[in-house]
């Protein structure tokens, strides 16, 4: 909690808590190793390159913590593989999760970027980065490079199309897919209402 307790970008302790609880729920239903899922979920954003000097610095931070707390080598390797593969990265992440536990944690993390919570986090992150909510002349971009995705040359609403609305089809587990359907529908409903209010028609 201390590591991300003061974060104001939408990657705070409560995000970690929600992802961890969701990962445990999915793991139990998918018969995955709950210990690995819980540990990886708790640590998944500690190594995030957005929150560190670079990815290597973040990964080393996690590895050192695991070593200092006596986590065995096999579990450490498994957790590090999960947290270095979990990120969406604007759709440029080509490496697939190779284990069920990784798929569980990735689904839990992506579910937290959807639905009501996902919308709240997009707006929070947009404020954190100083980007506008919406601009009619700025359109969603296709085939983004990671540099373009991270550039900040976008809006909160563009992020729906460049990430949030793509997540439903990227779920790994049956439980994740079922939960994603409802959250995806909520995103679509929100956008319909948003555009109507933006155009002063509703």
Protein backbone atom coordinates (compact mmCIF):
# COMPACT_ATOMS: atom_id res chain seq x y z
CA UNK A 1 0.00 0.00 0.00
CA UNK A 2 2.88 2.36 0.75
CA UNK A 3 4.40 1.88 -2.71
CA UNK A 4 1.35 3.20 -4.62
CA UNK A 5 -0.62 4.71 -1.75
CA UNK A 6 -0.19 8.28 -2.94
CA UNK A 7 -0.66 7.66 -6.66
CA UNK A 8 -3.11 10.02 -8.38
CA UNK A 9 -3.01 8.54 -11.89
CA UNK A 10 -5.57 5.77 -11.36
CA UNK A 11 -2.92 3.20 -10.45
CA UNK A 12 -3.33 3.66 -6.71
CA UNK A 13 -3.66 1.09 -3.92
CA UNK A 14 -7.39 0.67 -4.51
CA UNK A 15 -6.75 -0.31 -8.14
CA UNK A 16 -4.26 -2.90 -6.89
CA UNK A 17 -6.77 -4.10 -4.29
CA UNK A 18 -9.57 -4.48 -6.85
CA UNK A 19 -7.33 -6.33 -9.30
CA UNK A 20 -6.12 -8.64 -6.52
CA UNK A 21 -9.64 -9.47 -5.33
CA UNK A 22 -10.82 -10.05 -8.91
CA UNK A 23 -7.78 -12.22 -9.65
CA UNK A 24 -8.54 -14.38 -6.61
CA UNK A 25 -12.17 -14.71 -7.69
CA UNK A 26 -11.27 -15.71 -11.24
CA UNK A 27 -8.46 -18.02 -10.07
CA UNK A 28 -10.83 -19.96 -7.82
CA UNK A 29 -13.30 -20.47 -10.67
CA UNK A 30 -10.62 -21.32 -13.26
CA UNK A 31 -8.63 -23.62 -10.91
CA UNK A 32 -5.48 -21.50 -11.10
CA UNK A 33 -2.81 -21.18 -8.40
CA UNK A 34 -4.33 -18.55 -6.10
CA UNK A 35 -1.02 -17.76 -4.35
CA UNK A 36 0.73 -16.87 -7.63
CA UNK A 37 -2.29 -14.92 -8.86
CA UNK A 38 -2.58 -12.93 -5.65
CA UNK A 39 1.15 -12.19 -5.45
CA UNK A 40 1.39 -11.12 -9.10
CA UNK A 41 -1.73 -8.97 -8.81
CA UNK A 42 -0.41 -7.20 -5.71
CA UNK A 43 2.87 -6.40 -7.46
CA UNK A 44 1.74 -5.90 -11.06
CA UNK A 45 1.90 -2.08 -11.11
CA UNK A 46 5.03 -1.72 -8.99
CA UNK A 47 7.03 -2.50 -12.12
CA UNK A 48 4.88 -0.48 -14.55
CA UNK A 49 7.12 1.63 -16.79
CA UNK A 50 4.63 4.51 -16.55
CA UNK A 51 5.34 4.69 -12.82
CA UNK A 52 9.10 4.15 -12.92
CA UNK A 53 12.16 5.59 -14.61
CA UNK A 54 11.96 2.66 -17.03
CA UNK A 55 10.71 -0.93 -17.14
CA UNK A 56 14.01 -2.46 -16.00
CA UNK A 57 14.05 -0.31 -12.87
CA UNK A 58 10.53 -1.41 -12.02
CA UNK A 59 11.21 -5.10 -12.62
CA UNK A 60 14.33 -4.98 -10.45
CA UNK A 61 12.30 -3.34 -7.69
CA UNK A 62 9.87 -6.27 -7.73
CA UNK A 63 12.62 -8.89 -7.95
CA UNK A 64 14.45 -7.40 -4.99
CA UNK A 65 11.25 -7.39 -2.94
CA UNK A 66 10.54 -11.03 -3.78
CA UNK A 67 14.11 -12.03 -2.88
CA UNK A 68 14.06 -10.08 0.38
CA UNK A 69 10.79 -11.75 1.38
CA UNK A 70 11.98 -15.30 0.73
CA UNK A 71 9.86 -16.13 -2.30
CA UNK A 72 11.25 -19.24 -4.00
CA UNK A 73 12.98 -18.98 -7.37
CA UNK A 74 10.23 -20.78 -9.31
CA UNK A 75 7.49 -18.52 -7.98
CA UNK A 76 9.65 -15.43 -8.49
CA UNK A 77 10.26 -16.35 -12.13
CA UNK A 78 6.54 -16.96 -12.64
CA UNK A 79 5.49 -13.65 -11.06
CA UNK A 80 8.08 -11.68 -13.05
CA UNK A 81 6.92 -13.27 -16.29
CA UNK A 82 3.35 -12.22 -15.51
CA UNK A 83 4.12 -8.60 -14.64
CA UNK A 84 6.38 -8.09 -17.66
CA UNK A 85 3.69 -9.42 -20.03
CA UNK A 86 0.53 -7.99 -18.47
CA UNK A 87 0.53 -4.48 -19.97
CA UNK A 88 -1.73 -3.55 -22.90
CA UNK A 89 0.86 -1.06 -24.27
CA UNK A 90 -1.52 0.40 -26.79
CA UNK A 91 -2.12 -3.01 -28.31
CA UNK A 92 1.59 -3.39 -29.15
CA UNK A 93 2.18 -6.13 -26.56
CA UNK A 94 2.78 -9.15 -28.78
CA UNK A 95 3.88 -11.58 -26.07
CA UNK A 96 1.04 -13.83 -24.93
CA UNK A 97 0.56 -15.02 -21.37
CA UNK A 98 1.97 -18.52 -21.24
CA UNK A 99 0.31 -19.65 -17.99
CA UNK A 100 -3.21 -19.77 -16.64
CA UNK A 101 -2.16 -17.64 -13.68
CA UNK A 102 -0.90 -14.93 -16.00
CA UNK A 103 -4.12 -15.03 -17.97
CA UNK A 104 -6.13 -14.68 -14.76
CA UNK A 105 -4.20 -11.63 -13.53
CA UNK A 106 -4.25 -10.01 -16.96
CA UNK A 107 -8.04 -10.45 -17.15
CA UNK A 108 -8.45 -8.96 -13.67
CA UNK A 109 -6.31 -5.95 -14.58
CA UNK A 110 -8.14 -5.37 -17.86
CA UNK A 111 -11.54 -5.66 -16.21
CA UNK A 112 -10.54 -2.75 -13.96
CA UNK A 113 -10.07 -0.65 -17.12
CA UNK A 114 -13.68 -1.31 -18.17
CA UNK A 115 -17.13 -0.41 -16.88
CA UNK A 116 -17.80 2.34 -14.35
CA UNK A 117 -14.40 1.99 -12.71
CA UNK A 118 -12.65 2.07 -16.07
CA UNK A 119 -14.38 5.31 -17.02
CA UNK A 120 -13.45 6.86 -13.68
CA UNK A 121 -9.82 5.82 -14.13
CA UNK A 122 -9.64 7.22 -17.67
CA UNK A 123 -10.82 10.60 -16.46
CA UNK A 124 -8.47 10.46 -13.48
CA UNK A 125 -5.49 9.61 -15.68
CA UNK A 126 -6.44 12.28 -18.19
CA UNK A 127 -6.41 14.91 -15.47
CA UNK A 128 -3.12 13.55 -14.20
CA UNK A 129 -1.58 13.88 -17.70
CA UNK A 130 -3.28 17.21 -18.50
CA UNK A 131 -5.12 15.92 -21.55
CA UNK A 132 -8.62 17.13 -22.54
CA UNK A 133 -11.76 15.09 -22.07
CA UNK A 134 -12.78 15.39 -25.72
CA UNK A 135 -12.13 17.35 -28.88
CA UNK A 136 -14.31 16.64 -31.94
CA UNK A 137 -11.41 17.20 -34.34
CA UNK A 138 -9.21 14.59 -32.63
CA UNK A 139 -9.99 11.10 -33.88
CA UNK A 140 -8.93 7.66 -32.57
CA UNK A 141 -5.70 6.40 -34.10
CA UNK A 142 -5.06 2.97 -35.62
CA UNK A 143 -1.88 0.87 -35.57
CA UNK A 144 -0.22 2.96 -32.87
CA UNK A 145 3.41 2.54 -31.93
CA UNK A 146 4.14 2.43 -28.21
CA UNK A 147 5.72 5.88 -28.47
CA UNK A 148 2.56 7.29 -30.09
CA UNK A 149 0.38 5.59 -27.49
CA UNK A 150 2.43 7.09 -24.65
CA UNK A 151 2.83 10.52 -26.29
CA UNK A 152 -0.22 12.07 -24.63
CA UNK A 153 -1.40 13.51 -27.97
CA UNK A 154 -4.93 12.27 -27.33
CA UNK A 155 -8.08 12.78 -25.30
CA UNK A 156 -9.93 10.78 -22.67
CA UNK A 157 -12.60 9.82 -25.21
CA UNK A 158 -9.99 8.73 -27.76
CA UNK A 159 -8.67 6.33 -25.11
CA UNK A 160 -12.01 4.50 -25.11
CA UNK A 161 -11.43 3.55 -28.75
CA UNK A 162 -7.68 3.02 -28.53
CA UNK A 163 -7.90 0.72 -25.49
CA UNK A 164 -11.05 0.28 -23.42
CA UNK A 165 -13.38 -0.92 -26.17
CA UNK A 166 -10.75 -3.38 -27.41
CA UNK A 167 -10.39 -5.19 -24.09
CA UNK A 168 -13.52 -7.37 -24.33
CA UNK A 169 -12.05 -9.34 -27.21
CA UNK A 170 -8.69 -9.77 -25.47
CA UNK A 171 -9.93 -11.68 -22.42
CA UNK A 172 -8.24 -15.01 -21.73
CA UNK A 173 -10.59 -16.89 -19.40
CA UNK A 174 -14.25 -17.83 -19.56
CA UNK A 175 -14.94 -15.93 -16.33
CA UNK A 176 -13.11 -12.88 -17.64
CA UNK A 177 -15.07 -12.94 -20.89
CA UNK A 178 -18.40 -13.17 -19.06
CA UNK A 179 -17.58 -10.21 -16.80
CA UNK A 180 -16.17 -8.17 -19.68
CA UNK A 181 -19.42 -8.35 -21.65
CA UNK A 182 -21.38 -6.36 -19.08
CA UNK A 183 -18.63 -3.81 -18.55
CA UNK A 184 -18.23 -3.35 -22.30
CA UNK A 185 -21.95 -2.64 -22.69
CA UNK A 186 -21.68 -0.01 -19.95
CA UNK A 187 -18.87 1.71 -21.87
CA UNK A 188 -21.02 1.84 -25.00
CA UNK A 189 -23.98 3.22 -23.04
CA UNK A 190 -21.79 5.88 -21.48
CA UNK A 191 -20.43 7.01 -24.84
CA UNK A 192 -23.94 7.27 -26.29
CA UNK A 193 -24.97 9.51 -23.39
CA UNK A 194 -21.70 11.47 -23.53
CA UNK A 195 -22.09 12.42 -27.20
CA UNK A 196 -25.74 13.36 -26.70
CA UNK A 197 -24.83 15.68 -23.84
CA UNK A 198 -21.82 17.04 -25.74
CA UNK A 199 -24.09 17.96 -28.66
CA UNK A 200 -26.76 19.30 -26.25
CA UNK A 201 -29.40 16.93 -27.64
CA UNK A 202 -30.25 15.16 -24.39
